[in-house]
C-alpha atoms as a PDB file:
ATOM      1  CA  MET A   1     107.061  69.747 114.567  1.00  0.00           C
ATOM      2  CA  SER A   2     103.843  70.505 112.686  1.00  0.00           C
ATOM      3  CA  SER A   3     102.280  72.027 115.818  1.00  0.00           C
ATOM      4  CA  SER A   4     104.956  74.736 115.958  1.00  0.00           C
ATOM      5  CA  ASN A   5     104.304  75.594 112.298  1.00  0.00           C
ATOM      6  CA  SER A   6     100.574  76.050 112.890  1.00  0.00           C
ATOM      7  CA  HIS A   7     101.060  79.651 114.087  1.00  0.00           C
ATOM      8  CA  SER A   8     100.554  82.208 111.324  1.00  0.00           C
ATOM      9  CA  SER A   9     103.586  84.208 112.449  1.00  0.00           C
ATOM     10  CA  ASP A  10     106.612  83.416 114.548  1.00  0.00           C
ATOM     11  CA  LYS A  11     106.849  86.931 116.019  1.00  0.00           C
ATOM     12  CA  ARG A  12     107.158  87.013 119.784  1.00  0.00           C
ATOM     13  CA  TYR A  13     105.885  89.973 121.750  1.00  0.00           C
ATOM     14  CA  ALA A  14     106.352  90.893 125.389  1.00  0.00           C
ATOM     15  CA  TYR A  15     103.263  93.128 125.253  1.00  0.00           C
ATOM     16  CA  ARG A  16     100.652  93.848 122.583  1.00  0.00           C
ATOM     17  CA  GLU A  17      97.781  96.172 123.237  1.00  0.00           C
ATOM     18  CA  PHE A  18      95.331  94.716 120.732  1.00  0.00           C
ATOM     19  CA  GLY A  19      96.094  90.983 120.822  1.00  0.00           C
ATOM     20  CA  ASP A  20      96.162  89.186 117.488  1.00  0.00           C
ATOM     21  CA  ASP A  21      96.806  91.005 114.246  1.00  0.00           C
ATOM     22  CA  ASN A  22      93.361  92.318 113.330  1.00  0.00           C
ATOM     23  CA  SER A  23      94.388  94.521 110.434  1.00  0.00           C
ATOM     24  CA  ALA A  24      91.138  93.680 108.656  1.00  0.00           C
ATOM     25  CA  ALA A  25      89.171  94.863 111.688  1.00  0.00           C
ATOM     26  CA  THR A  26      91.109  98.126 112.057  1.00  0.00           C
ATOM     27  CA  ALA A  27      91.001  99.018 108.339  1.00  0.00           C
ATOM     28  CA  ARG A  28      88.454 101.702 107.543  1.00  0.00           C
ATOM     29  CA  PRO A  29      85.507 100.361 105.593  1.00  0.00           C
ATOM     30  CA  THR A  30      84.383 102.160 102.461  1.00  0.00           C
ATOM     31  CA  PRO A  31      80.891 103.547 103.114  1.00  0.00           C
ATOM     32  CA  GLU A  32      78.390 102.309 100.544  1.00  0.00           C
ATOM     33  CA  LEU A  33      75.895 105.143 100.081  1.00  0.00           C
ATOM     34  CA  PRO A  34      72.789 104.778  97.921  1.00  0.00           C
ATOM     35  CA  PRO A  35      73.064 106.513  94.514  1.00  0.00           C
ATOM     36  CA  LYS A  36      70.613 109.302  95.501  1.00  0.00           C
ATOM     37  CA  GLN A  37      72.926 110.422  98.349  1.00  0.00           C
ATOM     38  CA  GLN A  38      76.097 110.649  96.260  1.00  0.00           C
ATOM     39  CA  ASN A  39      77.189 113.893  94.606  1.00  0.00           C
ATOM     40  CA  ILE A  40      78.928 112.883  91.399  1.00  0.00           C
ATOM     41  CA  ARG A  41      81.004 115.302  89.305  1.00  0.00           C
ATOM     42  CA  ILE A  42      81.693 114.691  85.619  1.00  0.00           C
ATOM     43  CA  GLN A  43      84.592 116.538  84.012  1.00  0.00           C
ATOM     44  CA  ALA A  44      86.558 116.225  80.763  1.00  0.00           C
ATOM     45  CA  THR A  45      90.278 116.837  81.155  1.00  0.00           C
ATOM     46  CA  ARG A  46      93.537 116.482  79.257  1.00  0.00           C
ATOM     47  CA  ALA A  47      95.920 117.238  82.113  1.00  0.00           C
ATOM     48  CA  GLY A  48      98.810 114.790  82.310  1.00  0.00           C
ATOM     49  CA  ARG A  49      97.492 112.583  79.502  1.00  0.00           C
ATOM     50  CA  LYS A  50      99.634 113.716  76.553  1.00  0.00           C
ATOM     51  CA  GLY A  51      96.798 115.729  74.986  1.00  0.00           C
ATOM     52  CA  LYS A  52      94.236 112.921  75.045  1.00  0.00           C
ATOM     53  CA  THR A  53      90.815 113.841  76.444  1.00  0.00           C
ATOM     54  CA  VAL A  54      89.510 111.734  79.317  1.00  0.00           C
ATOM     55  CA  THR A  55      86.163 112.061  81.106  1.00  0.00           C
ATOM     56  CA  VAL A  56      86.767 111.814  84.871  1.00  0.00           C
ATOM     57  CA  ILE A  57      83.879 110.970  87.202  1.00  0.00           C
ATOM     58  CA  THR A  58      84.520 111.745  90.875  1.00  0.00           C
ATOM     59  CA  GLY A  59      82.626 111.817  94.166  1.00  0.00           C
ATOM     60  CA  PHE A  60      81.816 108.134  94.533  1.00  0.00           C
ATOM     61  CA  GLN A  61      81.339 106.656  97.980  1.00  0.00           C
ATOM     62  CA  ALA A  62      81.051 103.035  96.990  1.00  0.00           C
ATOM     63  CA  LYS A  63      82.894  99.751  97.207  1.00  0.00           C
ATOM     64  CA  PRO A  64      85.433  98.893  94.497  1.00  0.00           C
ATOM     65  CA  GLU A  65      83.168  96.089  93.221  1.00  0.00           C
ATOM     66  CA  THR A  66      80.340  98.581  92.648  1.00  0.00           C
ATOM     67  CA  LEU A  67      82.667 100.932  90.750  1.00  0.00           C
ATOM     68  CA  THR A  68      83.966  98.045  88.628  1.00  0.00           C
ATOM     69  CA  ASP A  69      80.413  97.111  87.611  1.00  0.00           C
ATOM     70  CA  LEU A  70      79.577 100.751  86.899  1.00  0.00           C
ATOM     71  CA  VAL A  71      82.681 101.360  84.763  1.00  0.00           C
ATOM     72  CA  LYS A  72      81.826  98.242  82.761  1.00  0.00           C
ATOM     73  CA  LYS A  73      78.342  99.665  82.006  1.00  0.00           C
ATOM     74  CA  LEU A  74      79.751 103.086  81.087  1.00  0.00           C
ATOM     75  CA  LYS A  75      82.408 101.622  78.795  1.00  0.00           C
ATOM     76  CA  THR A  76      79.781  99.546  77.007  1.00  0.00           C
ATOM     77  CA  GLN A  77      77.382 102.500  76.603  1.00  0.00           C
ATOM     78  CA  CYS A  78      80.108 104.881  75.385  1.00  0.00           C
ATOM     79  CA  GLY A  79      81.833 102.286  73.208  1.00  0.00           C
ATOM     80  CA  THR A  80      85.271 103.110  74.585  1.00  0.00           C
ATOM     81  CA  GLY A  81      87.814 102.118  77.221  1.00  0.00           C
ATOM     82  CA  GLY A  82      88.026 103.194  80.828  1.00  0.00           C
ATOM     83  CA  THR A  83      89.297 102.338  84.279  1.00  0.00           C
ATOM     84  CA  VAL A  84      88.843 102.880  88.011  1.00  0.00           C
ATOM     85  CA  LYS A  85      91.665 104.799  89.745  1.00  0.00           C
ATOM     86  CA  ASP A  86      91.632 106.030  93.353  1.00  0.00           C
ATOM     87  CA  ASN A  87      87.826 105.815  93.687  1.00  0.00           C
ATOM     88  CA  GLU A  88      87.402 107.753  90.418  1.00  0.00           C
ATOM     89  CA  ILE A  89      86.231 106.487  87.045  1.00  0.00           C
ATOM     90  CA  GLU A  90      88.112 107.517  83.897  1.00  0.00           C
ATOM     91  CA  ILE A  91      86.460 107.023  80.499  1.00  0.00           C
ATOM     92  CA  GLN A  92      88.472 107.657  77.330  1.00  0.00           C
ATOM     93  CA  GLY A  93      87.189 110.553  75.230  1.00  0.00           C
ATOM     94  CA  ASP A  94      84.765 113.406  75.914  1.00  0.00           C
ATOM     95  CA  HIS A  95      81.478 111.735  76.918  1.00  0.00           C
ATOM     96  CA  LYS A  96      80.182 114.186  79.547  1.00  0.00           C
ATOM     97  CA  GLN A  97      76.582 114.409  78.300  1.00  0.00           C
ATOM     98  CA  LYS A  98      76.184 110.702  77.654  1.00  0.00           C
ATOM     99  CA  ILE A  99      77.619 109.756  81.073  1.00  0.00           C
ATOM    100  CA  LEU A 100      75.382 112.354  82.757  1.00  0.00           C
ATOM    101  CA  GLU A 101      72.307 110.732  81.171  1.00  0.00           C
ATOM    102  CA  ILE A 102      73.421 107.211  82.117  1.00  0.00           C
ATOM    103  CA  LEU A 103      74.194 108.122  85.746  1.00  0.00           C
ATOM    104  CA  THR A 104      70.938 110.035  86.247  1.00  0.00           C
ATOM    105  CA  ASN A 105      68.998 107.057  84.803  1.00  0.00           C
ATOM    106  CA  LEU A 106      70.790 104.850  87.359  1.00  0.00           C
ATOM    107  CA  GLY A 107      69.633 107.186  90.137  1.00  0.00           C
ATOM    108  CA  TYR A 108      72.849 109.148  90.844  1.00  0.00           C
ATOM    109  CA  LYS A 109      72.873 112.886  91.522  1.00  0.00           C
ATOM    110  CA  ALA A 110      75.378 113.921  88.863  1.00  0.00           C
ATOM    111  CA  LYS A 111      76.553 117.300  87.562  1.00  0.00           C
ATOM    112  CA  ILE A 112      78.964 118.375  84.849  1.00  0.00           C
ATOM    113  CA  SER A 113      81.736 120.496  86.339  1.00  0.00           C
ATOM    114  CA  GLY A 114      84.430 122.504  84.617  1.00  0.00           C
ATOM    115  CA  GLY A 115      84.509 123.747  81.047  1.00  0.00           C
END
């Protein structure tokens, strides 16, 4: 009885083109580019945030773990909260200049965009 339960799924197929379920192999990997090759945009916005200003940093081509470490550094340096959403970093408040300095010191090519 335990030998029949050893299969990860009880689905039966007459034909499968790719064999076992290799969803991890077919998922697209996130390219991890060095900081010098990334074009980062820093922008302060209030859109959709009930009038609260948020500094949004976009253009990252990095793994989620890298962004999590980076947002932790930025939150500590700015003394405020923040998060990672959809490969973008959001820092509470208007900290464009400070974030620009921090990112350039870390080796990123960063620019302030928007007003």
